[in-house]
Amino acid sequence: MSKSKGGGTGRGTGKKGWNRWQAAERKASSKPKPYVSKGLQKKAEEAKAARLNDPS
């Protein structure tokens, strides 16, 4: 009887599992965030103030 566990990554599947993992990682990292970081908030406020103060 074989001691091998069922399929999955690293068990003769080539790069299939790794590619799936990479795709999921990219999808998660490119998903829009539910919040805005403080640095970006500050930049947005400064840009808004500059637009309001601009006479043109």
C-alpha atoms as a PDB file:
ATOM      1  CA  MET A   1       0.000   0.000   0.000  1.00  0.00           C
ATOM      2  CA  SER A   2       1.349   3.408  -0.973  1.00  0.00           C
ATOM      3  CA  LYS A   3       2.018   5.962   1.767  1.00  0.00           C
ATOM      4  CA  SER A   4       1.462   8.829  -0.670  1.00  0.00           C
ATOM      5  CA  LYS A   5      -1.323  11.241   0.145  1.00  0.00           C
ATOM      6  CA  GLY A   6      -3.669  12.353  -2.613  1.00  0.00           C
ATOM      7  CA  GLY A   7      -2.802  14.891  -5.345  1.00  0.00           C
ATOM      8  CA  GLY A   8      -2.118  18.553  -4.698  1.00  0.00           C
ATOM      9  CA  THR A   9       0.833  20.867  -5.078  1.00  0.00           C
ATOM     10  CA  GLY A  10       4.298  19.386  -5.028  1.00  0.00           C
ATOM     11  CA  ARG A  11       3.067  15.883  -5.846  1.00  0.00           C
ATOM     12  CA  GLY A  12       3.812  15.493  -9.523  1.00  0.00           C
ATOM     13  CA  THR A  13       1.436  18.244 -10.639  1.00  0.00           C
ATOM     14  CA  GLY A  14       4.216  20.304 -12.192  1.00  0.00           C
ATOM     15  CA  LYS A  15       3.624  24.037 -11.854  1.00  0.00           C
ATOM     16  CA  LYS A  16      -0.164  23.791 -11.812  1.00  0.00           C
ATOM     17  CA  GLY A  17      -0.598  24.390  -8.074  1.00  0.00           C
ATOM     18  CA  TRP A  18       2.027  27.146  -8.023  1.00  0.00           C
ATOM     19  CA  ASN A  19       0.362  28.934 -10.928  1.00  0.00           C
ATOM     20  CA  ARG A  20      -2.999  28.777  -9.173  1.00  0.00           C
ATOM     21  CA  TRP A  21      -1.437  30.148  -6.017  1.00  0.00           C
ATOM     22  CA  GLN A  22       0.244  32.992  -7.930  1.00  0.00           C
ATOM     23  CA  ALA A  23      -2.987  33.889  -9.727  1.00  0.00           C
ATOM     24  CA  ALA A  24      -4.883  34.030  -6.432  1.00  0.00           C
ATOM     25  CA  GLU A  25      -2.118  36.148  -4.896  1.00  0.00           C
ATOM     26  CA  ARG A  26      -2.187  38.649  -7.787  1.00  0.00           C
ATOM     27  CA  LYS A  27      -5.977  38.841  -7.683  1.00  0.00           C
ATOM     28  CA  ALA A  28      -5.943  39.535  -3.933  1.00  0.00           C
ATOM     29  CA  SER A  29      -3.206  42.173  -4.176  1.00  0.00           C
ATOM     30  CA  SER A  30      -4.941  44.074  -6.994  1.00  0.00           C
ATOM     31  CA  LYS A  31      -8.335  44.096  -5.256  1.00  0.00           C
ATOM     32  CA  PRO A  32      -9.433  47.629  -4.261  1.00  0.00           C
ATOM     33  CA  LYS A  33      -8.837  48.292  -0.586  1.00  0.00           C
ATOM     34  CA  PRO A  34     -11.798  49.149   1.700  1.00  0.00           C
ATOM     35  CA  TYR A  35      -9.821  52.039   3.192  1.00  0.00           C
ATOM     36  CA  VAL A  36      -7.511  54.855   2.130  1.00  0.00           C
ATOM     37  CA  SER A  37      -4.123  55.134   3.794  1.00  0.00           C
ATOM     38  CA  LYS A  38      -3.386  58.346   5.697  1.00  0.00           C
ATOM     39  CA  GLY A  39      -0.700  59.395   3.204  1.00  0.00           C
ATOM     40  CA  LEU A  40      -3.136  59.173   0.296  1.00  0.00           C
ATOM     41  CA  GLN A  41      -5.840  60.995   2.267  1.00  0.00           C
ATOM     42  CA  LYS A  42      -3.442  63.864   2.920  1.00  0.00           C
ATOM     43  CA  LYS A  43      -2.447  64.069  -0.763  1.00  0.00           C
ATOM     44  CA  ALA A  44      -6.111  64.107  -1.815  1.00  0.00           C
ATOM     45  CA  GLU A  45      -6.902  66.914   0.640  1.00  0.00           C
ATOM     46  CA  GLU A  46      -3.927  68.962  -0.586  1.00  0.00           C
ATOM     47  CA  ALA A  47      -4.963  68.487  -4.215  1.00  0.00           C
ATOM     48  CA  LYS A  48      -8.530  69.521  -3.384  1.00  0.00           C
ATOM     49  CA  ALA A  49      -7.298  72.646  -1.561  1.00  0.00           C
ATOM     50  CA  ALA A  50      -5.045  73.532  -4.496  1.00  0.00           C
ATOM     51  CA  ARG A  51      -7.990  73.243  -6.910  1.00  0.00           C
ATOM     52  CA  LEU A  52     -10.189  75.455  -4.694  1.00  0.00           C
ATOM     53  CA  ASN A  53      -7.477  78.117  -4.345  1.00  0.00           C
ATOM     54  CA  ASP A  54      -6.630  78.119  -8.057  1.00  0.00           C
ATOM     55  CA  PRO A  55      -8.160  81.256  -9.657  1.00  0.00           C
ATOM     56  CA  SER A  56      -8.212  79.822 -13.214  1.00  0.00           C
END
